[in-house]
Amino acid sequence: MTPQTPLEIPKIFADNFARAYGAFVEAVRAAVAETIANPVLANTATFLSWQTGALPMLEAQNSSVQEAYARFLIGETQTIVSVAAERRHLGKELDGLPLDFAGKDRAESLGSLKTTAVITASRLCQAAGVP
């Protein structure tokens, strides 16, 4: 493959990554919105960290993921590979921010969605030959 040759990445990998990342961010957004009404949880440092720090970061990242996916759909594959390579480290980026900010019931669901987002990013990178 020469530098000018586009990567051949099966569409399913890009689809899964964009959908999984979007689903995780949407779940965090919903959890934050619902938790605002609960003063017991909303007045904690953990919740405020998610509301004012993690959620805006995730929304910006999701915007990049969705833009990269749109580019992928018109044949430009390198951007989504680069974005996926960065998003594989989502767990490290959220290190120290417990997922139970919206209650224990939500933590398991958010953890599962986060794991799926990371796995789909990793699978896309593997499909593209990125170690």
N, C-alpha and C. Protein backbone atom coordinates (compact mmCIF):
# COMPACT_ATOMS: atom_id res chain seq x y z
N MET A 1 0.84 -1.17 0.00
CA MET A 1 0.00 0.00 0.00
C MET A 1 0.89 1.24 0.00
N THR A 2 0.64 2.16 -0.88
CA THR A 2 1.37 3.41 -0.93
C THR A 2 0.62 4.45 -0.09
N PRO A 3 1.29 5.54 0.26
CA PRO A 3 0.60 6.55 1.07
C PRO A 3 -0.66 7.12 0.41
N GLN A 4 -0.73 7.09 -0.93
CA GLN A 4 -1.89 7.63 -1.62
C GLN A 4 -3.05 6.64 -1.70
N THR A 5 -2.78 5.37 -1.45
CA THR A 5 -3.81 4.35 -1.55
C THR A 5 -4.71 4.41 -0.32
N PRO A 6 -6.02 4.57 -0.50
CA PRO A 6 -6.91 4.59 0.68
C PRO A 6 -6.93 3.23 1.36
N LEU A 7 -7.09 3.27 2.66
CA LEU A 7 -7.20 2.04 3.43
C LEU A 7 -8.51 1.34 3.11
N GLU A 8 -8.46 0.03 3.04
CA GLU A 8 -9.67 -0.77 2.84
C GLU A 8 -10.15 -1.24 4.21
N ILE A 9 -11.10 -0.55 4.75
CA ILE A 9 -11.65 -0.90 6.07
C ILE A 9 -13.09 -1.29 5.86
N PRO A 10 -13.47 -2.49 6.29
CA PRO A 10 -14.88 -2.87 6.16
C PRO A 10 -15.78 -1.86 6.88
N LYS A 11 -16.84 -1.48 6.22
CA LYS A 11 -17.76 -0.45 6.72
C LYS A 11 -18.32 -0.80 8.10
N ILE A 12 -18.51 -2.08 8.36
CA ILE A 12 -19.09 -2.50 9.64
C ILE A 12 -18.26 -2.00 10.83
N PHE A 13 -16.94 -1.93 10.67
CA PHE A 13 -16.08 -1.46 11.76
C PHE A 13 -16.31 0.03 12.02
N ALA A 14 -16.41 0.80 10.96
CA ALA A 14 -16.67 2.24 11.11
C ALA A 14 -18.07 2.47 11.67
N ASP A 15 -19.04 1.72 11.14
CA ASP A 15 -20.42 1.83 11.64
C ASP A 15 -20.48 1.56 13.14
N ASN A 16 -19.89 0.46 13.54
CA ASN A 16 -19.95 0.05 14.95
C ASN A 16 -19.27 1.07 15.86
N PHE A 17 -18.12 1.57 15.42
CA PHE A 17 -17.39 2.54 16.23
C PHE A 17 -18.20 3.83 16.40
N ALA A 18 -18.68 4.39 15.31
CA ALA A 18 -19.43 5.65 15.38
C ALA A 18 -20.70 5.48 16.22
N ARG A 19 -21.38 4.37 16.03
CA ARG A 19 -22.62 4.12 16.77
C ARG A 19 -22.33 3.92 18.26
N ALA A 20 -21.29 3.14 18.59
CA ALA A 20 -20.97 2.86 20.00
C ALA A 20 -20.51 4.10 20.74
N TYR A 21 -19.69 4.90 20.08
CA TYR A 21 -19.22 6.11 20.75
C TYR A 21 -20.37 7.08 20.98
N GLY A 22 -21.20 7.23 19.97
CA GLY A 22 -22.36 8.09 20.09
C GLY A 22 -23.31 7.63 21.19
N ALA A 23 -23.50 6.32 21.29
CA ALA A 23 -24.40 5.76 22.31
C ALA A 23 -23.85 6.03 23.72
N PHE A 24 -22.54 5.89 23.89
CA PHE A 24 -21.96 6.16 25.20
C PHE A 24 -22.14 7.63 25.58
N VAL A 25 -21.85 8.52 24.66
CA VAL A 25 -21.97 9.95 24.95
C VAL A 25 -23.43 10.32 25.22
N GLU A 26 -24.33 9.77 24.45
CA GLU A 26 -25.76 10.06 24.67
C GLU A 26 -26.21 9.54 26.04
N ALA A 27 -25.72 8.39 26.46
CA ALA A 27 -26.08 7.85 27.77
C ALA A 27 -25.52 8.72 28.89
N VAL A 28 -24.31 9.22 28.73
CA VAL A 28 -23.74 10.13 29.73
C VAL A 28 -24.55 11.41 29.78
N ARG A 29 -24.89 11.95 28.61
CA ARG A 29 -25.69 13.18 28.54
C ARG A 29 -27.03 12.99 29.26
N ALA A 30 -27.69 11.87 29.00
CA ALA A 30 -28.98 11.59 29.63
C ALA A 30 -28.82 11.42 31.14
N ALA A 31 -27.76 10.74 31.55
CA ALA A 31 -27.53 10.54 32.99
C ALA A 31 -27.28 11.86 33.69
N VAL A 32 -26.52 12.74 33.08
CA VAL A 32 -26.27 14.06 33.66
C VAL A 32 -27.58 14.83 33.75
N ALA A 33 -28.34 14.85 32.68
CA ALA A 33 -29.60 15.61 32.65
C ALA A 33 -30.58 15.12 33.72
N GLU A 34 -30.68 13.82 33.88
CA GLU A 34 -31.60 13.26 34.87
C GLU A 34 -31.11 13.47 36.30
N THR A 35 -29.80 13.48 36.49
CA THR A 35 -29.24 13.59 37.83
C THR A 35 -29.31 15.02 38.36
N ILE A 36 -29.40 15.99 37.50
CA ILE A 36 -29.49 17.39 37.94
C ILE A 36 -30.65 17.57 38.92
N ALA A 37 -31.72 16.85 38.71
CA ALA A 37 -32.91 16.98 39.56
C ALA A 37 -32.77 16.27 40.91
N ASN A 38 -31.71 15.52 41.11
CA ASN A 38 -31.50 14.78 42.35
C ASN A 38 -30.42 15.48 43.18
N PRO A 39 -30.81 16.29 44.16
CA PRO A 39 -29.81 17.07 44.90
C PRO A 39 -28.79 16.22 45.65
N VAL A 40 -29.17 15.02 46.03
CA VAL A 40 -28.22 14.15 46.74
C VAL A 40 -27.03 13.80 45.84
N LEU A 41 -27.30 13.51 44.58
CA LEU A 41 -26.23 13.17 43.64
C LEU A 41 -25.65 14.40 42.95
N ALA A 42 -26.50 15.36 42.63
CA ALA A 42 -26.06 16.52 41.84
C ALA A 42 -25.11 17.45 42.59
N ASN A 43 -25.10 17.37 43.90
CA ASN A 43 -24.24 18.24 44.68
C ASN A 43 -22.94 17.57 45.10
N THR A 44 -22.51 16.59 44.34
CA THR A 44 -21.26 15.90 44.65
C THR A 44 -20.16 16.36 43.70
N ALA A 45 -18.93 16.26 44.15
CA ALA A 45 -17.79 16.63 43.31
C ALA A 45 -17.70 15.73 42.07
N THR A 46 -18.03 14.47 42.24
CA THR A 46 -17.98 13.53 41.12
C THR A 46 -18.96 13.94 40.02
N PHE A 47 -20.19 14.24 40.43
CA PHE A 47 -21.17 14.66 39.43
C PHE A 47 -20.74 15.94 38.73
N LEU A 48 -20.29 16.91 39.50
CA LEU A 48 -19.86 18.18 38.90
C LEU A 48 -18.70 17.98 37.93
N SER A 49 -17.82 17.04 38.23
CA SER A 49 -16.72 16.72 37.31
C SER A 49 -17.25 16.16 35.99
N TRP A 50 -18.26 15.32 36.08
CA TRP A 50 -18.86 14.78 34.86
C TRP A 50 -19.62 15.87 34.11
N GLN A 51 -20.38 16.68 34.83
CA GLN A 51 -21.22 17.70 34.19
C GLN A 51 -20.38 18.79 33.52
N THR A 52 -19.34 19.25 34.19
CA THR A 52 -18.59 20.40 33.69
C THR A 52 -17.30 20.03 32.96
N GLY A 53 -16.83 18.82 33.13
CA GLY A 53 -15.57 18.43 32.50
C GLY A 53 -15.70 17.28 31.52
N ALA A 54 -16.12 16.14 32.04
CA ALA A 54 -16.15 14.93 31.20
C ALA A 54 -17.18 15.03 30.08
N LEU A 55 -18.38 15.48 30.38
CA LEU A 55 -19.42 15.53 29.34
C LEU A 55 -19.03 16.47 28.20
N PRO A 56 -18.60 17.69 28.47
CA PRO A 56 -18.18 18.54 27.35
C PRO A 56 -17.03 17.92 26.53
N MET A 57 -16.08 17.28 27.21
CA MET A 57 -14.99 16.62 26.50
C MET A 57 -15.53 15.50 25.61
N LEU A 58 -16.43 14.68 26.16
CA LEU A 58 -17.00 13.57 25.39
C LEU A 58 -17.82 14.08 24.21
N GLU A 59 -18.55 15.16 24.40
CA GLU A 59 -19.35 15.71 23.30
C GLU A 59 -18.45 16.21 22.17
N ALA A 60 -17.34 16.84 22.52
CA ALA A 60 -16.39 17.31 21.51
C ALA A 60 -15.76 16.11 20.78
N GLN A 61 -15.41 15.09 21.54
CA GLN A 61 -14.84 13.88 20.93
C GLN A 61 -15.86 13.21 20.02
N ASN A 62 -17.10 13.14 20.46
CA ASN A 62 -18.13 12.52 19.64
C ASN A 62 -18.34 13.30 18.34
N SER A 63 -18.25 14.60 18.42
CA SER A 63 -18.35 15.41 17.22
C SER A 63 -17.25 15.03 16.23
N SER A 64 -16.04 14.83 16.75
CA SER A 64 -14.92 14.40 15.89
C SER A 64 -15.16 13.01 15.32
N VAL A 65 -15.69 12.12 16.15
CA VAL A 65 -15.98 10.76 15.69
C VAL A 65 -17.02 10.80 14.57
N GLN A 66 -18.07 11.56 14.77
CA GLN A 66 -19.15 11.60 13.77
C GLN A 66 -18.68 12.28 12.48
N GLU A 67 -17.85 13.29 12.60
CA GLU A 67 -17.30 13.93 11.40
C GLU A 67 -16.39 12.95 10.66
N ALA A 68 -15.56 12.23 11.39
CA ALA A 68 -14.68 11.24 10.77
C ALA A 68 -15.50 10.15 10.08
N TYR A 69 -16.60 9.77 10.69
CA TYR A 69 -17.48 8.76 10.09
C TYR A 69 -18.10 9.29 8.79
N ALA A 70 -18.52 10.54 8.81
CA ALA A 70 -19.07 11.15 7.59
C ALA A 70 -18.02 11.16 6.48
N ARG A 71 -16.79 11.46 6.83
CA ARG A 71 -15.70 11.43 5.84
C ARG A 71 -15.48 10.00 5.33
N PHE A 72 -15.56 9.05 6.25
CA PHE A 72 -15.39 7.65 5.86
C PHE A 72 -16.44 7.26 4.82
N LEU A 73 -17.65 7.70 5.03
CA LEU A 73 -18.74 7.35 4.12
C LEU A 73 -18.55 7.91 2.71
N ILE A 74 -17.74 8.95 2.57
CA ILE A 74 -17.47 9.47 1.24
C ILE A 74 -16.09 9.06 0.73
N GLY A 75 -15.47 8.10 1.43
CA GLY A 75 -14.24 7.50 0.92
C GLY A 75 -12.95 7.92 1.56
N GLU A 76 -12.97 8.85 2.51
CA GLU A 76 -11.76 9.28 3.18
C GLU A 76 -11.63 8.46 4.48
N THR A 77 -10.70 7.53 4.51
CA THR A 77 -10.65 6.57 5.61
C THR A 77 -9.63 6.90 6.70
N GLN A 78 -8.66 7.72 6.41
CA GLN A 78 -7.58 7.94 7.37
C GLN A 78 -8.05 8.66 8.63
N THR A 79 -8.98 9.59 8.49
CA THR A 79 -9.43 10.36 9.66
C THR A 79 -10.08 9.47 10.70
N ILE A 80 -10.93 8.56 10.27
CA ILE A 80 -11.60 7.71 11.27
C ILE A 80 -10.61 6.78 11.95
N VAL A 81 -9.59 6.36 11.23
CA VAL A 81 -8.56 5.52 11.85
C VAL A 81 -7.81 6.31 12.91
N SER A 82 -7.46 7.55 12.59
CA SER A 82 -6.75 8.40 13.56
C SER A 82 -7.61 8.67 14.79
N VAL A 83 -8.87 8.98 14.56
CA VAL A 83 -9.78 9.26 15.68
C VAL A 83 -9.98 8.01 16.53
N ALA A 84 -10.16 6.86 15.89
CA ALA A 84 -10.33 5.61 16.63
C ALA A 84 -9.09 5.29 17.46
N ALA A 85 -7.93 5.55 16.90
CA ALA A 85 -6.69 5.28 17.64
C ALA A 85 -6.64 6.12 18.92
N GLU A 86 -7.12 7.35 18.85
CA GLU A 86 -7.16 8.20 20.05
C GLU A 86 -8.24 7.71 21.02
N ARG A 87 -9.38 7.33 20.52
CA ARG A 87 -10.50 6.94 21.38
C ARG A 87 -10.29 5.59 22.05
N ARG A 88 -9.33 4.81 21.60
CA ARG A 88 -9.02 3.55 22.29
C ARG A 88 -8.61 3.80 23.74
N HIS A 89 -8.20 5.02 24.03
CA HIS A 89 -7.70 5.37 25.36
C HIS A 89 -8.74 6.08 26.23
N LEU A 90 -9.99 5.90 25.88
CA LEU A 90 -11.08 6.54 26.62
C LEU A 90 -11.03 6.21 28.11
N GLY A 91 -10.73 4.97 28.43
CA GLY A 91 -10.67 4.58 29.83
C GLY A 91 -9.65 5.39 30.61
N LYS A 92 -8.50 5.64 30.01
CA LYS A 92 -7.46 6.44 30.66
C LYS A 92 -7.91 7.90 30.80
N GLU A 93 -8.61 8.40 29.78
CA GLU A 93 -9.08 9.78 29.83
C GLU A 93 -10.10 9.99 30.95
N LEU A 94 -10.85 8.96 31.25
CA LEU A 94 -11.87 9.07 32.30
C LEU A 94 -11.39 8.48 33.63
N ASP A 95 -10.13 8.14 33.70
CA ASP A 95 -9.57 7.58 34.92
C ASP A 95 -9.78 8.54 36.08
N GLY A 96 -10.27 8.02 37.17
CA GLY A 96 -10.52 8.84 38.35
C GLY A 96 -11.93 9.43 38.40
N LEU A 97 -12.71 9.19 37.35
CA LEU A 97 -14.10 9.66 37.34
C LEU A 97 -15.02 8.45 37.44
N PRO A 98 -15.50 8.15 38.63
CA PRO A 98 -16.36 6.98 38.80
C PRO A 98 -17.64 7.09 37.97
N LEU A 99 -18.04 5.99 37.40
CA LEU A 99 -19.23 5.96 36.56
C LEU A 99 -20.53 5.96 37.37
N ASP A 100 -20.43 5.93 38.68
CA ASP A 100 -21.64 5.91 39.52
C ASP A 100 -22.11 7.32 39.88
N PHE A 101 -21.68 8.33 39.11
CA PHE A 101 -22.07 9.71 39.39
C PHE A 101 -23.58 9.92 39.32
N ALA A 102 -24.28 9.06 38.60
CA ALA A 102 -25.74 9.17 38.46
C ALA A 102 -26.44 8.05 39.22
N GLY A 103 -25.72 7.40 40.10
CA GLY A 103 -26.28 6.30 40.88
C GLY A 103 -25.68 4.96 40.47
N LYS A 104 -25.78 4.03 41.36
CA LYS A 104 -25.18 2.70 41.14
C LYS A 104 -25.84 1.97 39.97
N ASP A 105 -27.16 2.14 39.77
CA ASP A 105 -27.85 1.43 38.69
C ASP A 105 -27.29 1.86 37.33
N ARG A 106 -27.01 3.14 37.20
CA ARG A 106 -26.52 3.68 35.93
C ARG A 106 -25.08 3.28 35.65
N ALA A 107 -24.29 3.08 36.69
CA ALA A 107 -22.86 2.82 36.54
C ALA A 107 -22.58 1.60 35.67
N GLU A 108 -23.33 0.53 35.88
CA GLU A 108 -23.10 -0.70 35.11
C GLU A 108 -23.39 -0.48 33.63
N SER A 109 -24.49 0.18 33.34
CA SER A 109 -24.85 0.46 31.95
C SER A 109 -23.81 1.36 31.28
N LEU A 110 -23.40 2.42 31.96
CA LEU A 110 -22.39 3.31 31.41
C LEU A 110 -21.06 2.59 31.21
N GLY A 111 -20.71 1.73 32.14
CA GLY A 111 -19.48 0.95 32.01
C GLY A 111 -19.50 0.05 30.79
N SER A 112 -20.64 -0.58 30.57
CA SER A 112 -20.79 -1.45 29.41
C SER A 112 -20.69 -0.66 28.10
N LEU A 113 -21.34 0.49 28.05
CA LEU A 113 -21.28 1.33 26.85
C LEU A 113 -19.87 1.87 26.61
N LYS A 114 -19.19 2.24 27.67
CA LYS A 114 -17.81 2.73 27.54
C LYS A 114 -16.92 1.62 27.01
N THR A 115 -17.05 0.43 27.55
CA THR A 115 -16.26 -0.71 27.09
C THR A 115 -16.52 -0.99 25.62
N THR A 116 -17.77 -0.96 25.22
CA THR A 116 -18.11 -1.20 23.82
C THR A 116 -17.48 -0.14 22.92
N ALA A 117 -17.50 1.12 23.35
CA ALA A 117 -16.88 2.18 22.55
C ALA A 117 -15.38 1.94 22.37
N VAL A 118 -14.71 1.52 23.43
CA VAL A 118 -13.27 1.27 23.37
C VAL A 118 -12.99 0.04 22.49
N ILE A 119 -13.77 -1.00 22.66
CA ILE A 119 -13.57 -2.22 21.87
C ILE A 119 -13.79 -1.95 20.39
N THR A 120 -14.82 -1.21 20.04
CA THR A 120 -15.08 -0.93 18.63
C THR A 120 -13.98 -0.05 18.04
N ALA A 121 -13.45 0.88 18.82
CA ALA A 121 -12.32 1.70 18.36
C ALA A 121 -11.11 0.81 18.11
N SER A 122 -10.85 -0.11 19.02
CA SER A 122 -9.72 -1.02 18.87
C SER A 122 -9.88 -1.94 17.66
N ARG A 123 -11.08 -2.43 17.45
CA ARG A 123 -11.33 -3.31 16.30
C ARG A 123 -11.16 -2.58 14.98
N LEU A 124 -11.60 -1.33 14.93
CA LEU A 124 -11.41 -0.54 13.72
C LEU A 124 -9.91 -0.36 13.45
N CYS A 125 -9.16 -0.07 14.48
CA CYS A 125 -7.71 0.08 14.33
C CYS A 125 -7.06 -1.22 13.87
N GLN A 126 -7.47 -2.33 14.43
CA GLN A 126 -6.94 -3.62 14.01
C GLN A 126 -7.26 -3.88 12.54
N ALA A 127 -8.47 -3.56 12.12
CA ALA A 127 -8.86 -3.76 10.72
C ALA A 127 -8.01 -2.89 9.79
N ALA A 128 -7.56 -1.73 10.30
CA ALA A 128 -6.75 -0.82 9.50
C ALA A 128 -5.26 -1.12 9.61
N GLY A 129 -4.91 -2.12 10.44
CA GLY A 129 -3.52 -2.48 10.60
C GLY A 129 -2.74 -1.58 11.55
N VAL A 130 -3.46 -0.88 12.41
CA VAL A 130 -2.82 0.01 13.40
C VAL A 130 -2.61 -0.79 14.67
N PRO A 131 -1.36 -0.90 15.12
CA PRO A 131 -1.09 -1.70 16.34
C PRO A 131 -1.64 -1.05 17.60
